[in-house]
Amino acid sequence: MLIIIGILLFELIILIHEGGHFVAAKLSGVKVNEFALGMGPKLFSFTKGETKYSFRLLPIGGYCSMEGEDEESDSPRAFGNKPTWKRIIIVAAGAVMNILLGLIMTLVLVLQQPYFASSTVEGFAENSVTADYLQKGDRFESIDGYAILNSNDIRFALATSKDFKPEIKVNRNGSSVDLGNVPLYTYEKDGKKIMAIDFYVQRVDKNFFSVCGETIGQTVSTVRMVWSSLIGLITGKFGFNEMSGPVGIASAVTTVASQGLESSFLDAVNNILYLMMVITINLGIFNLLPIPALDGGRLLFLIIELIRRKPVPQKYEGLIHGVGFALLMVFMLAVTFNDIVRLVSGSGFG
């Protein structure tokens, strides 16, 4: 049942993304030739109106094939013959819908919480290490330069701190105080050092306004976390072995579901829902990066067209997207292979 729920949620993420392109195209008067959910061999299809709807074997993607998207077309309803601003909306719609889906998933999770965590220190655990530096009433401002807006930011910044000695700034009695490098509480498990938060934060009572604030705040926090992680990959803060493809994601779903089942079936579902929330926001942001073959790459060409007032010749744009797609597939195969090696051996090759 949990596997089915995970697959359905993943398919929902794909459906929402491609559905964003589809609806924006239809509203813009663009002819959609095929709307596909899944990749690979076709399982079945049907035609309604001018569009063929198909379901394919591999639940790892989908596409919205529009007239004149990758080829020349004389049709007035072709994608390439629409105004640039309309094409920008169509291309960006998929990623925007992914982020909106993340907002809705966050709301579902937030509504189940009896109260919320703030970013202000309330107390300390027994034998706390950070108690020598933090004080009750301190409100976190930044950790290693990462601005702290809510409790999610605290967890992410502390978990990714180098050597678990982050530089912490807090607001203490109305003044900004730099605490310098604060050692965190750590313990050994299977030969690996693990960080544990040894302080408590003040709770925020649940009401209409706090639910709205927490939903928006957690969504923004996830967007920032994804963006920071992408920058970390580029700068070398995070390694290749810390990335995951479809196999790694499936393994993560199994892990979080198993952890949730230790308490209840609902907790397992919520764990999967949280992971899917991160994935849909991740997909939305990643797709907006100016990488050939991705939506962001297409947006870059459209912005260039907007500035030049004439499009880049389609044969050159097609070539760049083709090469980009090939490189992206090679990269995904490498990530997937690393996922498999990590599952078998316990550690990847990155």
C-alpha atoms as a PDB file:
ATOM      1  CA  MET A   1       0.000   0.000   0.000  1.00  0.00           C
ATOM      2  CA  LEU A   2       2.804   2.445   0.904  1.00  0.00           C
ATOM      3  CA  ILE A   3       4.648   1.621  -2.338  1.00  0.00           C
ATOM      4  CA  ILE A   4       1.461   2.314  -4.292  1.00  0.00           C
ATOM      5  CA  ILE A   5       0.980   5.605  -2.422  1.00  0.00           C
ATOM      6  CA  GLY A   6       4.585   6.589  -3.191  1.00  0.00           C
ATOM      7  CA  ILE A   7       4.190   5.782  -6.910  1.00  0.00           C
ATOM      8  CA  LEU A   8       0.870   7.647  -7.109  1.00  0.00           C
ATOM      9  CA  LEU A   9       2.364  10.726  -5.437  1.00  0.00           C
ATOM     10  CA  PHE A  10       5.347  10.628  -7.795  1.00  0.00           C
ATOM     11  CA  GLU A  11       2.981  10.332 -10.769  1.00  0.00           C
ATOM     12  CA  LEU A  12       0.998  13.265  -9.347  1.00  0.00           C
ATOM     13  CA  ILE A  13       4.188  15.357  -9.370  1.00  0.00           C
ATOM     14  CA  ILE A  14       4.748  14.507 -13.055  1.00  0.00           C
ATOM     15  CA  LEU A  15       1.074  15.052 -13.916  1.00  0.00           C
ATOM     16  CA  ILE A  16       1.058  18.481 -12.255  1.00  0.00           C
ATOM     17  CA  HIS A  17       4.256  19.516 -14.057  1.00  0.00           C
ATOM     18  CA  GLU A  18       3.169  18.444 -17.524  1.00  0.00           C
ATOM     19  CA  GLY A  19      -0.377  19.581 -16.750  1.00  0.00           C
ATOM     20  CA  GLY A  20       0.973  23.078 -16.146  1.00  0.00           C
ATOM     21  CA  HIS A  21       2.446  23.129 -19.660  1.00  0.00           C
ATOM     22  CA  PHE A  22      -0.762  21.605 -21.068  1.00  0.00           C
ATOM     23  CA  VAL A  23      -3.201  24.082 -19.510  1.00  0.00           C
ATOM     24  CA  ALA A  24      -1.000  27.091 -20.307  1.00  0.00           C
ATOM     25  CA  ALA A  25      -0.672  25.881 -23.919  1.00  0.00           C
ATOM     26  CA  LYS A  26      -4.424  25.373 -24.315  1.00  0.00           C
ATOM     27  CA  LEU A  27      -5.197  28.798 -22.800  1.00  0.00           C
ATOM     28  CA  SER A  28      -2.646  30.339 -25.166  1.00  0.00           C
ATOM     29  CA  GLY A  29      -4.246  28.736 -28.205  1.00  0.00           C
ATOM     30  CA  VAL A  30      -1.413  26.274 -28.876  1.00  0.00           C
ATOM     31  CA  LYS A  31      -2.296  22.873 -30.343  1.00  0.00           C
ATOM     32  CA  VAL A  32      -1.202  19.983 -28.099  1.00  0.00           C
ATOM     33  CA  ASN A  33      -0.551  16.856 -30.166  1.00  0.00           C
ATOM     34  CA  GLU A  34       0.104  14.436 -27.301  1.00  0.00           C
ATOM     35  CA  PHE A  35       0.000  14.469 -23.525  1.00  0.00           C
ATOM     36  CA  ALA A  36       1.918  11.517 -22.065  1.00  0.00           C
ATOM     37  CA  LEU A  37       2.250  10.294 -18.505  1.00  0.00           C
ATOM     38  CA  GLY A  38       5.275   8.038 -18.096  1.00  0.00           C
ATOM     39  CA  MET A  39       8.110   7.250 -20.500  1.00  0.00           C
ATOM     40  CA  GLY A  40       9.097   4.314 -22.685  1.00  0.00           C
ATOM     41  CA  PRO A  41       6.727   1.837 -24.382  1.00  0.00           C
ATOM     42  CA  LYS A  42       3.085   2.900 -24.623  1.00  0.00           C
ATOM     43  CA  LEU A  43       0.649   0.912 -22.490  1.00  0.00           C
ATOM     44  CA  PHE A  44      -2.531   2.453 -23.901  1.00  0.00           C
ATOM     45  CA  SER A  45      -3.813   5.707 -25.307  1.00  0.00           C
ATOM     46  CA  PHE A  46      -6.969   7.482 -26.399  1.00  0.00           C
ATOM     47  CA  THR A  47      -7.739  10.584 -28.405  1.00  0.00           C
ATOM     48  CA  LYS A  48     -10.036  13.344 -27.249  1.00  0.00           C
ATOM     49  CA  GLY A  49     -10.473  16.316 -29.519  1.00  0.00           C
ATOM     50  CA  GLU A  50      -7.167  17.119 -31.169  1.00  0.00           C
ATOM     51  CA  THR A  51      -4.950  15.645 -28.429  1.00  0.00           C
ATOM     52  CA  LYS A  52      -3.799  12.059 -27.910  1.00  0.00           C
ATOM     53  CA  TYR A  53      -3.489  11.049 -24.243  1.00  0.00           C
ATOM     54  CA  SER A  54      -1.089   8.184 -23.588  1.00  0.00           C
ATOM     55  CA  PHE A  55       0.105   6.219 -20.584  1.00  0.00           C
ATOM     56  CA  ARG A  56       3.580   4.700 -20.794  1.00  0.00           C
ATOM     57  CA  LEU A  57       5.381   1.920 -18.976  1.00  0.00           C
ATOM     58  CA  LEU A  58       8.062   3.731 -16.951  1.00  0.00           C
ATOM     59  CA  PRO A  59       6.700   6.079 -14.252  1.00  0.00           C
ATOM     60  CA  ILE A  60       9.739   8.361 -14.380  1.00  0.00           C
ATOM     61  CA  GLY A  61       8.552  11.287 -16.472  1.00  0.00           C
ATOM     62  CA  GLY A  62       6.121  12.514 -19.068  1.00  0.00           C
ATOM     63  CA  TYR A  63       5.760  15.097 -21.801  1.00  0.00           C
ATOM     64  CA  CYS A  64       3.416  17.576 -23.426  1.00  0.00           C
ATOM     65  CA  SER A  65       4.097  17.566 -27.166  1.00  0.00           C
ATOM     66  CA  MET A  66       3.004  20.825 -28.799  1.00  0.00           C
ATOM     67  CA  GLU A  67       2.679  21.671 -32.472  1.00  0.00           C
ATOM     68  CA  GLY A  68       5.755  23.548 -33.718  1.00  0.00           C
ATOM     69  CA  GLU A  69       7.661  23.095 -30.454  1.00  0.00           C
ATOM     70  CA  ASP A  70      10.751  21.424 -31.922  1.00  0.00           C
ATOM     71  CA  GLU A  71      10.082  21.773 -35.641  1.00  0.00           C
ATOM     72  CA  GLU A  72       8.963  24.383 -38.167  1.00  0.00           C
ATOM     73  CA  SER A  73       5.211  24.707 -38.589  1.00  0.00           C
ATOM     74  CA  ASP A  74       3.015  27.044 -40.622  1.00  0.00           C
ATOM     75  CA  SER A  75       0.047  26.526 -38.314  1.00  0.00           C
ATOM     76  CA  PRO A  76      -1.107  29.702 -36.558  1.00  0.00           C
ATOM     77  CA  ARG A  77      -1.602  27.499 -33.476  1.00  0.00           C
ATOM     78  CA  ALA A  78       2.002  26.313 -33.442  1.00  0.00           C
ATOM     79  CA  PHE A  79       4.041  26.977 -30.320  1.00  0.00           C
ATOM     80  CA  GLY A  80       6.784  28.738 -32.304  1.00  0.00           C
ATOM     81  CA  ASN A  81       4.300  31.140 -33.902  1.00  0.00           C
ATOM     82  CA  LYS A  82       2.917  32.476 -30.634  1.00  0.00           C
ATOM     83  CA  PRO A  83       4.171  35.722 -29.030  1.00  0.00           C
ATOM     84  CA  THR A  84       7.331  35.326 -26.969  1.00  0.00           C
ATOM     85  CA  TRP A  85       5.632  36.246 -23.692  1.00  0.00           C
ATOM     86  CA  LYS A  86       3.045  33.490 -24.182  1.00  0.00           C
ATOM     87  CA  ARG A  87       5.753  30.923 -24.858  1.00  0.00           C
ATOM     88  CA  ILE A  88       7.589  32.020 -21.705  1.00  0.00           C
ATOM     89  CA  ILE A  89       4.427  31.432 -19.652  1.00  0.00           C
ATOM     90  CA  ILE A  90       3.876  28.001 -21.241  1.00  0.00           C
ATOM     91  CA  VAL A  91       7.474  26.869 -20.590  1.00  0.00           C
ATOM     92  CA  ALA A  92       7.565  28.199 -17.003  1.00  0.00           C
ATOM     93  CA  ALA A  93       4.119  26.863 -16.066  1.00  0.00           C
ATOM     94  CA  GLY A  94       5.323  23.325 -15.304  1.00  0.00           C
ATOM     95  CA  ALA A  95       7.903  24.392 -12.719  1.00  0.00           C
ATOM     96  CA  VAL A  96       5.526  26.929 -11.177  1.00  0.00           C
ATOM     97  CA  MET A  97       2.872  24.229 -10.751  1.00  0.00           C
ATOM     98  CA  ASN A  98       5.432  21.936  -9.073  1.00  0.00           C
ATOM     99  CA  ILE A  99       6.209  24.612  -6.493  1.00  0.00           C
ATOM    100  CA  LEU A 100       2.486  25.287  -5.939  1.00  0.00           C
ATOM    101  CA  LEU A 101       1.953  21.535  -5.431  1.00  0.00           C
ATOM    102  CA  GLY A 102       4.725  21.660  -2.833  1.00  0.00           C
ATOM    103  CA  LEU A 103       2.832  24.464  -1.087  1.00  0.00           C
ATOM    104  CA  ILE A 104      -0.354  22.354  -0.980  1.00  0.00           C
ATOM    105  CA  MET A 105       1.515  19.281   0.312  1.00  0.00           C
ATOM    106  CA  THR A 106       3.099  21.430   3.000  1.00  0.00           C
ATOM    107  CA  LEU A 107      -0.334  22.704   4.025  1.00  0.00           C
ATOM    108  CA  VAL A 108      -1.584  19.113   4.408  1.00  0.00           C
ATOM    109  CA  LEU A 109       1.349  18.348   6.717  1.00  0.00           C
ATOM    110  CA  VAL A 110       1.052  21.610   8.663  1.00  0.00           C
ATOM    111  CA  LEU A 111      -2.674  21.127   9.343  1.00  0.00           C
ATOM    112  CA  GLN A 112      -1.895  17.881  11.183  1.00  0.00           C
ATOM    113  CA  GLN A 113       0.544  19.501  13.616  1.00  0.00           C
ATOM    114  CA  PRO A 114      -0.820  20.487  17.056  1.00  0.00           C
ATOM    115  CA  TYR A 115       1.597  23.429  17.251  1.00  0.00           C
ATOM    116  CA  PHE A 116       4.682  24.750  15.488  1.00  0.00           C
ATOM    117  CA  ALA A 117       8.339  25.290  16.332  1.00  0.00           C
ATOM    118  CA  SER A 118       9.863  28.764  16.366  1.00  0.00           C
ATOM    119  CA  SER A 119      13.492  29.817  15.930  1.00  0.00           C
ATOM    120  CA  THR A 120      13.822  31.057  19.541  1.00  0.00           C
ATOM    121  CA  VAL A 121      15.640  28.995  22.195  1.00  0.00           C
ATOM    122  CA  GLU A 122      13.425  27.794  25.045  1.00  0.00           C
ATOM    123  CA  GLY A 123      15.742  25.461  26.970  1.00  0.00           C
ATOM    124  CA  PHE A 124      18.432  22.809  26.820  1.00  0.00           C
ATOM    125  CA  ALA A 125      18.743  19.041  27.101  1.00  0.00           C
ATOM    126  CA  GLU A 126      20.739  17.474  29.923  1.00  0.00           C
ATOM    127  CA  ASN A 127      24.513  17.727  29.340  1.00  0.00           C
ATOM    128  CA  SER A 128      23.890  20.118  26.459  1.00  0.00           C
ATOM    129  CA  VAL A 129      26.984  21.311  24.607  1.00  0.00           C
ATOM    130  CA  THR A 130      25.381  24.395  23.074  1.00  0.00           C
ATOM    131  CA  ALA A 131      24.184  25.590  26.513  1.00  0.00           C
ATOM    132  CA  ASP A 132      27.670  27.070  27.019  1.00  0.00           C
ATOM    133  CA  TYR A 133      27.040  29.436  24.109  1.00  0.00           C
ATOM    134  CA  LEU A 134      23.302  29.882  23.602  1.00  0.00           C
ATOM    135  CA  GLN A 135      20.890  31.418  26.119  1.00  0.00           C
ATOM    136  CA  LYS A 136      17.179  31.063  26.648  1.00  0.00           C
ATOM    137  CA  GLY A 137      15.415  33.681  24.533  1.00  0.00           C
ATOM    138  CA  ASP A 138      18.097  33.757  21.807  1.00  0.00           C
ATOM    139  CA  ARG A 139      16.540  33.944  18.344  1.00  0.00           C
ATOM    140  CA  PHE A 140      18.685  32.479  15.567  1.00  0.00           C
ATOM    141  CA  GLU A 141      19.651  34.977  12.868  1.00  0.00           C
ATOM    142  CA  SER A 142      22.145  32.974  10.806  1.00  0.00           C
ATOM    143  CA  ILE A 143      24.198  29.773  10.848  1.00  0.00           C
ATOM    144  CA  ASP A 144      27.351  29.757   8.719  1.00  0.00           C
ATOM    145  CA  GLY A 145      25.910  32.762   6.884  1.00  0.00           C
ATOM    146  CA  TYR A 146      22.653  30.947   6.099  1.00  0.00           C
ATOM    147  CA  ALA A 147      19.758  33.201   7.131  1.00  0.00           C
ATOM    148  CA  ILE A 148      17.411  31.541   9.630  1.00  0.00           C
ATOM    149  CA  LEU A 149      13.714  32.214   9.032  1.00  0.00           C
ATOM    150  CA  ASN A 150      12.191  29.229  10.857  1.00  0.00           C
ATOM    151  CA  SER A 151      13.026  25.979  12.647  1.00  0.00           C
ATOM    152  CA  ASN A 152      13.462  24.072   9.354  1.00  0.00           C
ATOM    153  CA  ASP A 153      16.312  26.417   8.460  1.00  0.00           C
ATOM    154  CA  ILE A 154      17.968  25.640  11.806  1.00  0.00           C
ATOM    155  CA  ARG A 155      17.893  21.892  11.195  1.00  0.00           C
ATOM    156  CA  PHE A 156      19.186  22.182   7.629  1.00  0.00           C
ATOM    157  CA  ALA A 157      21.981  24.631   8.478  1.00  0.00           C
ATOM    158  CA  LEU A 158      23.186  22.618  11.480  1.00  0.00           C
ATOM    159  CA  ALA A 159      23.020  19.284   9.618  1.00  0.00           C
ATOM    160  CA  THR A 160      25.145  20.630   6.741  1.00  0.00           C
ATOM    161  CA  SER A 161      27.675  22.541   8.872  1.00  0.00           C
ATOM    162  CA  LYS A 162      31.329  21.740   8.282  1.00  0.00           C
ATOM    163  CA  ASP A 163      32.931  19.744  11.132  1.00  0.00           C
ATOM    164  CA  PHE A 164      29.768  20.456  13.183  1.00  0.00           C
ATOM    165  CA  LYS A 165      31.211  23.754  14.418  1.00  0.00           C
ATOM    166  CA  PRO A 166      29.076  26.366  12.680  1.00  0.00           C
ATOM    167  CA  GLU A 167      29.378  30.105  13.115  1.00  0.00           C
ATOM    168  CA  ILE A 168      26.162  31.216  14.784  1.00  0.00           C
ATOM    169  CA  LYS A 169      24.592  34.651  15.068  1.00  0.00           C
ATOM    170  CA  VAL A 170      21.582  35.257  17.310  1.00  0.00           C
ATOM    171  CA  ASN A 171      19.370  38.128  18.346  1.00  0.00           C
ATOM    172  CA  ARG A 172      19.782  38.510  22.093  1.00  0.00           C
ATOM    173  CA  ASN A 173      17.662  41.090  23.909  1.00  0.00           C
ATOM    174  CA  GLY A 174      17.172  43.039  20.698  1.00  0.00           C
ATOM    175  CA  SER A 175      20.837  43.068  19.675  1.00  0.00           C
ATOM    176  CA  SER A 176      22.671  40.939  17.117  1.00  0.00           C
ATOM    177  CA  VAL A 177      25.336  38.785  18.787  1.00  0.00           C
ATOM    178  CA  ASP A 178      28.012  36.787  16.948  1.00  0.00           C
ATOM    179  CA  LEU A 179      28.710  33.653  19.003  1.00  0.00           C
ATOM    180  CA  GLY A 180      31.556  32.535  16.747  1.00  0.00           C
ATOM    181  CA  ASN A 181      32.041  28.825  16.046  1.00  0.00           C
ATOM    182  CA  VAL A 182      29.743  26.825  18.301  1.00  0.00           C
ATOM    183  CA  PRO A 183      30.523  23.091  18.740  1.00  0.00           C
ATOM    184  CA  LEU A 184      27.472  20.858  18.344  1.00  0.00           C
ATOM    185  CA  TYR A 185      26.561  17.713  20.251  1.00  0.00           C
ATOM    186  CA  THR A 186      27.684  14.668  18.243  1.00  0.00           C
ATOM    187  CA  TYR A 187      27.855  10.917  18.737  1.00  0.00           C
ATOM    188  CA  GLU A 188      29.288   7.953  16.842  1.00  0.00           C
ATOM    189  CA  LYS A 189      27.105   5.458  14.976  1.00  0.00           C
ATOM    190  CA  ASP A 190      28.518   2.763  12.688  1.00  0.00           C
ATOM    191  CA  GLY A 191      31.793   4.659  12.619  1.00  0.00           C
ATOM    192  CA  LYS A 192      30.123   7.867  11.457  1.00  0.00           C
ATOM    193  CA  LYS A 193      29.798  11.108  13.408  1.00  0.00           C
ATOM    194  CA  ILE A 194      26.185  12.201  13.753  1.00  0.00           C
ATOM    195  CA  MET A 195      24.891  15.541  14.986  1.00  0.00           C
ATOM    196  CA  ALA A 196      21.999  15.843  17.449  1.00  0.00           C
ATOM    197  CA  ILE A 197      20.239  19.072  18.412  1.00  0.00           C
ATOM    198  CA  ASP A 198      20.551  19.468  22.196  1.00  0.00           C
ATOM    199  CA  PHE A 199      18.357  22.516  22.721  1.00  0.00           C
ATOM    200  CA  TYR A 200      14.623  23.193  22.543  1.00  0.00           C
ATOM    201  CA  VAL A 201      12.822  26.040  20.810  1.00  0.00           C
ATOM    202  CA  GLN A 202       9.668  27.893  21.799  1.00  0.00           C
ATOM    203  CA  ARG A 203       6.379  26.621  20.422  1.00  0.00           C
ATOM    204  CA  VAL A 204       3.933  28.639  18.340  1.00  0.00           C
ATOM    205  CA  ASP A 205       0.234  28.060  19.020  1.00  0.00           C
ATOM    206  CA  LYS A 206      -1.889  26.857  16.130  1.00  0.00           C
ATOM    207  CA  ASN A 207      -4.426  29.254  14.646  1.00  0.00           C
ATOM    208  CA  PHE A 208      -5.472  30.430  11.181  1.00  0.00           C
ATOM    209  CA  PHE A 209      -2.668  32.970  10.870  1.00  0.00           C
ATOM    210  CA  SER A 210       0.066  30.694  12.213  1.00  0.00           C
ATOM    211  CA  VAL A 211      -1.067  27.897   9.842  1.00  0.00           C
ATOM    212  CA  CYS A 212      -0.799  30.274   6.872  1.00  0.00           C
ATOM    213  CA  GLY A 213       2.561  31.597   8.074  1.00  0.00           C
ATOM    214  CA  GLU A 214       3.961  28.131   8.754  1.00  0.00           C
ATOM    215  CA  THR A 215       2.811  26.779   5.380  1.00  0.00           C
ATOM    216  CA  ILE A 216       4.378  29.629   3.437  1.00  0.00           C
ATOM    217  CA  GLY A 217       7.454  29.653   5.687  1.00  0.00           C
ATOM    218  CA  GLN A 218       8.124  25.915   5.329  1.00  0.00           C
ATOM    219  CA  THR A 219       7.641  26.079   1.556  1.00  0.00           C
ATOM    220  CA  VAL A 220      10.056  29.006   1.263  1.00  0.00           C
ATOM    221  CA  SER A 221      12.440  27.112   3.540  1.00  0.00           C
ATOM    222  CA  THR A 222      12.336  24.076   1.239  1.00  0.00           C
ATOM    223  CA  VAL A 223      12.938  26.250  -1.834  1.00  0.00           C
ATOM    224  CA  ARG A 224      15.955  27.800  -0.118  1.00  0.00           C
ATOM    225  CA  MET A 225      17.200  24.375   0.989  1.00  0.00           C
ATOM    226  CA  VAL A 226      17.011  23.017  -2.572  1.00  0.00           C
ATOM    227  CA  TRP A 227      18.720  26.109  -4.001  1.00  0.00           C
ATOM    228  CA  SER A 228      21.441  26.013  -1.336  1.00  0.00           C
ATOM    229  CA  SER A 229      21.999  22.303  -2.041  1.00  0.00           C
ATOM    230  CA  LEU A 230      22.392  22.968  -5.778  1.00  0.00           C
ATOM    231  CA  ILE A 231      24.931  25.702  -5.044  1.00  0.00           C
ATOM    232  CA  GLY A 232      26.662  23.306  -2.650  1.00  0.00           C
ATOM    233  CA  LEU A 233      26.991  20.726  -5.446  1.00  0.00           C
ATOM    234  CA  ILE A 234      28.516  23.328  -7.764  1.00  0.00           C
ATOM    235  CA  THR A 235      30.947  24.669  -5.153  1.00  0.00           C
ATOM    236  CA  GLY A 236      31.942  21.208  -3.896  1.00  0.00           C
ATOM    237  CA  LYS A 237      30.338  21.475  -0.456  1.00  0.00           C
ATOM    238  CA  PHE A 238      28.297  18.383  -1.343  1.00  0.00           C
ATOM    239  CA  GLY A 239      29.708  15.472  -3.302  1.00  0.00           C
ATOM    240  CA  PHE A 240      28.353  13.400  -6.168  1.00  0.00           C
ATOM    241  CA  ASN A 241      27.665  10.558  -3.733  1.00  0.00           C
ATOM    242  CA  GLU A 242      25.098  12.733  -1.957  1.00  0.00           C
ATOM    243  CA  MET A 243      22.897  12.908  -5.056  1.00  0.00           C
ATOM    244  CA  SER A 244      20.078  10.489  -5.810  1.00  0.00           C
ATOM    245  CA  GLY A 245      18.230   9.425  -8.937  1.00  0.00           C
ATOM    246  CA  PRO A 246      15.025   7.361  -9.309  1.00  0.00           C
ATOM    247  CA  VAL A 247      16.566   4.310  -7.581  1.00  0.00           C
ATOM    248  CA  GLY A 248      17.832   6.415  -4.677  1.00  0.00           C
ATOM    249  CA  ILE A 249      14.457   8.113  -4.362  1.00  0.00           C
ATOM    250  CA  ALA A 250      12.677   4.749  -4.269  1.00  0.00           C
ATOM    251  CA  SER A 251      15.091   3.612  -1.557  1.00  0.00           C
ATOM    252  CA  ALA A 252      14.468   6.827   0.401  1.00  0.00           C
ATOM    253  CA  VAL A 253      10.692   6.307   0.160  1.00  0.00           C
ATOM    254  CA  THR A 254      11.114   2.798   1.558  1.00  0.00           C
ATOM    255  CA  THR A 255      13.307   4.080   4.390  1.00  0.00           C
ATOM    256  CA  VAL A 256      11.032   6.927   5.504  1.00  0.00           C
ATOM    257  CA  ALA A 257       7.971   4.694   5.192  1.00  0.00           C
ATOM    258  CA  SER A 258       9.596   2.043   7.400  1.00  0.00           C
ATOM    259  CA  GLN A 259      10.544   4.672   9.976  1.00  0.00           C
ATOM    260  CA  GLY A 260       6.985   6.010  10.010  1.00  0.00           C
ATOM    261  CA  LEU A 261       5.481   2.540  10.374  1.00  0.00           C
ATOM    262  CA  GLU A 262       7.299   2.183  13.690  1.00  0.00           C
ATOM    263  CA  SER A 263       4.678   4.542  15.121  1.00  0.00           C
ATOM    264  CA  SER A 264       1.677   4.438  12.756  1.00  0.00           C
ATOM    265  CA  PHE A 265       0.524   4.024   9.150  1.00  0.00           C
ATOM    266  CA  LEU A 266      -0.388   7.744   9.034  1.00  0.00           C
ATOM    267  CA  ASP A 267       3.152   8.699  10.044  1.00  0.00           C
ATOM    268  CA  ALA A 268       4.490   6.545   7.215  1.00  0.00           C
ATOM    269  CA  VAL A 269       2.180   8.282   4.724  1.00  0.00           C
ATOM    270  CA  ASN A 270       3.189  11.706   6.078  1.00  0.00           C
ATOM    271  CA  ASN A 271       6.879  10.811   5.766  1.00  0.00           C
ATOM    272  CA  ILE A 272       6.331   9.871   2.121  1.00  0.00           C
ATOM    273  CA  LEU A 273       4.296  13.040   1.582  1.00  0.00           C
ATOM    274  CA  TYR A 274       7.108  15.169   3.038  1.00  0.00           C
ATOM    275  CA  LEU A 275       9.675  13.511   0.787  1.00  0.00           C
ATOM    276  CA  MET A 276       7.449  14.045  -2.254  1.00  0.00           C
ATOM    277  CA  MET A 277       6.996  17.687  -1.238  1.00  0.00           C
ATOM    278  CA  VAL A 278      10.768  18.147  -1.313  1.00  0.00           C
ATOM    279  CA  ILE A 279      10.975  16.307  -4.649  1.00  0.00           C
ATOM    280  CA  THR A 280       8.285  18.396  -6.383  1.00  0.00           C
ATOM    281  CA  ILE A 281       9.907  21.651  -5.261  1.00  0.00           C
ATOM    282  CA  ASN A 282      13.296  20.247  -6.258  1.00  0.00           C
ATOM    283  CA  LEU A 283      11.919  19.365  -9.692  1.00  0.00           C
ATOM    284  CA  GLY A 284      10.420  22.829 -10.087  1.00  0.00           C
ATOM    285  CA  ILE A 285      13.650  24.650  -9.243  1.00  0.00           C
ATOM    286  CA  PHE A 286      15.915  22.258 -11.166  1.00  0.00           C
ATOM    287  CA  ASN A 287      13.768  22.633 -14.279  1.00  0.00           C
ATOM    288  CA  LEU A 288      14.195  26.408 -14.167  1.00  0.00           C
ATOM    289  CA  LEU A 289      17.992  26.189 -14.305  1.00  0.00           C
ATOM    290  CA  PRO A 290      19.396  27.457 -17.644  1.00  0.00           C
ATOM    291  CA  ILE A 291      20.464  23.984 -18.738  1.00  0.00           C
ATOM    292  CA  PRO A 292      19.844  22.865 -22.357  1.00  0.00           C
ATOM    293  CA  ALA A 293      16.909  20.435 -22.741  1.00  0.00           C
ATOM    294  CA  LEU A 294      15.342  21.626 -19.466  1.00  0.00           C
ATOM    295  CA  ASP A 295      12.588  24.243 -19.217  1.00  0.00           C
ATOM    296  CA  GLY A 296      15.156  26.726 -17.933  1.00  0.00           C
ATOM    297  CA  GLY A 297      17.256  26.219 -21.076  1.00  0.00           C
ATOM    298  CA  ARG A 298      14.235  26.936 -23.254  1.00  0.00           C
ATOM    299  CA  LEU A 299      13.421  29.986 -21.144  1.00  0.00           C
ATOM    300  CA  LEU A 300      16.958  31.272 -21.689  1.00  0.00           C
ATOM    301  CA  PHE A 301      16.521  31.107 -25.462  1.00  0.00           C
ATOM    302  CA  LEU A 302      13.139  32.851 -25.182  1.00  0.00           C
ATOM    303  CA  ILE A 303      14.658  35.635 -23.075  1.00  0.00           C
ATOM    304  CA  ILE A 304      17.444  36.008 -25.669  1.00  0.00           C
ATOM    305  CA  GLU A 305      14.732  36.202 -28.347  1.00  0.00           C
ATOM    306  CA  LEU A 306      12.902  38.840 -26.333  1.00  0.00           C
ATOM    307  CA  ILE A 307      16.072  40.940 -26.106  1.00  0.00           C
ATOM    308  CA  ARG A 308      17.190  40.424 -29.739  1.00  0.00           C
ATOM    309  CA  ARG A 309      13.619  40.748 -31.034  1.00  0.00           C
ATOM    310  CA  LYS A 310      14.230  37.710 -33.213  1.00  0.00           C
ATOM    311  CA  PRO A 311      14.537  34.009 -32.378  1.00  0.00           C
ATOM    312  CA  VAL A 312      17.719  31.980 -32.351  1.00  0.00           C
ATOM    313  CA  PRO A 313      17.669  29.801 -35.503  1.00  0.00           C
ATOM    314  CA  GLN A 314      15.778  26.635 -34.610  1.00  0.00           C
ATOM    315  CA  LYS A 315      18.442  24.315 -36.003  1.00  0.00           C
ATOM    316  CA  TYR A 316      21.025  25.751 -33.580  1.00  0.00           C
ATOM    317  CA  GLU A 317      18.652  25.742 -30.625  1.00  0.00           C
ATOM    318  CA  GLY A 318      17.600  22.172 -31.448  1.00  0.00           C
ATOM    319  CA  LEU A 319      21.237  21.076 -31.650  1.00  0.00           C
ATOM    320  CA  ILE A 320      22.063  22.622 -28.278  1.00  0.00           C
ATOM    321  CA  HIS A 321      19.014  21.048 -26.632  1.00  0.00           C
ATOM    322  CA  GLY A 322      19.850  17.692 -28.238  1.00  0.00           C
ATOM    323  CA  VAL A 323      23.409  17.709 -26.924  1.00  0.00           C
ATOM    324  CA  GLY A 324      22.164  18.912 -23.527  1.00  0.00           C
ATOM    325  CA  PHE A 325      19.605  16.098 -23.385  1.00  0.00           C
ATOM    326  CA  ALA A 326      22.246  13.493 -24.237  1.00  0.00           C
ATOM    327  CA  LEU A 327      24.588  14.808 -21.523  1.00  0.00           C
ATOM    328  CA  LEU A 328      21.691  14.905 -19.046  1.00  0.00           C
ATOM    329  CA  MET A 329      20.870  11.265 -19.791  1.00  0.00           C
ATOM    330  CA  VAL A 330      24.514  10.249 -19.292  1.00  0.00           C
ATOM    331  CA  PHE A 331      24.531  12.125 -15.982  1.00  0.00           C
ATOM    332  CA  MET A 332      21.289  10.464 -14.875  1.00  0.00           C
ATOM    333  CA  LEU A 333      22.659   7.029 -15.766  1.00  0.00           C
ATOM    334  CA  ALA A 334      25.761   7.757 -13.669  1.00  0.00           C
ATOM    335  CA  VAL A 335      23.609   8.863 -10.721  1.00  0.00           C
ATOM    336  CA  THR A 336      21.387   5.784 -11.073  1.00  0.00           C
ATOM    337  CA  PHE A 337      24.404   3.472 -11.249  1.00  0.00           C
ATOM    338  CA  ASN A 338      25.791   5.127  -8.126  1.00  0.00           C
ATOM    339  CA  ASP A 339      22.418   4.585  -6.398  1.00  0.00           C
ATOM    340  CA  ILE A 340      22.576   0.867  -7.222  1.00  0.00           C
ATOM    341  CA  VAL A 341      26.184   0.554  -6.032  1.00  0.00           C
ATOM    342  CA  ARG A 342      25.252   2.363  -2.808  1.00  0.00           C
ATOM    343  CA  LEU A 343      22.313   0.010  -2.216  1.00  0.00           C
ATOM    344  CA  VAL A 344      24.467  -3.071  -2.773  1.00  0.00           C
ATOM    345  CA  SER A 345      27.699  -2.038  -1.050  1.00  0.00           C
ATOM    346  CA  GLY A 346      26.507   0.627   1.384  1.00  0.00           C
ATOM    347  CA  SER A 347      28.625   3.338  -0.264  1.00  0.00           C
ATOM    348  CA  GLY A 348      28.739   4.739  -3.791  1.00  0.00           C
ATOM    349  CA  PHE A 349      31.713   5.516  -5.974  1.00  0.00           C
ATOM    350  CA  GLY A 350      31.370   9.329  -5.725  1.00  0.00           C
END
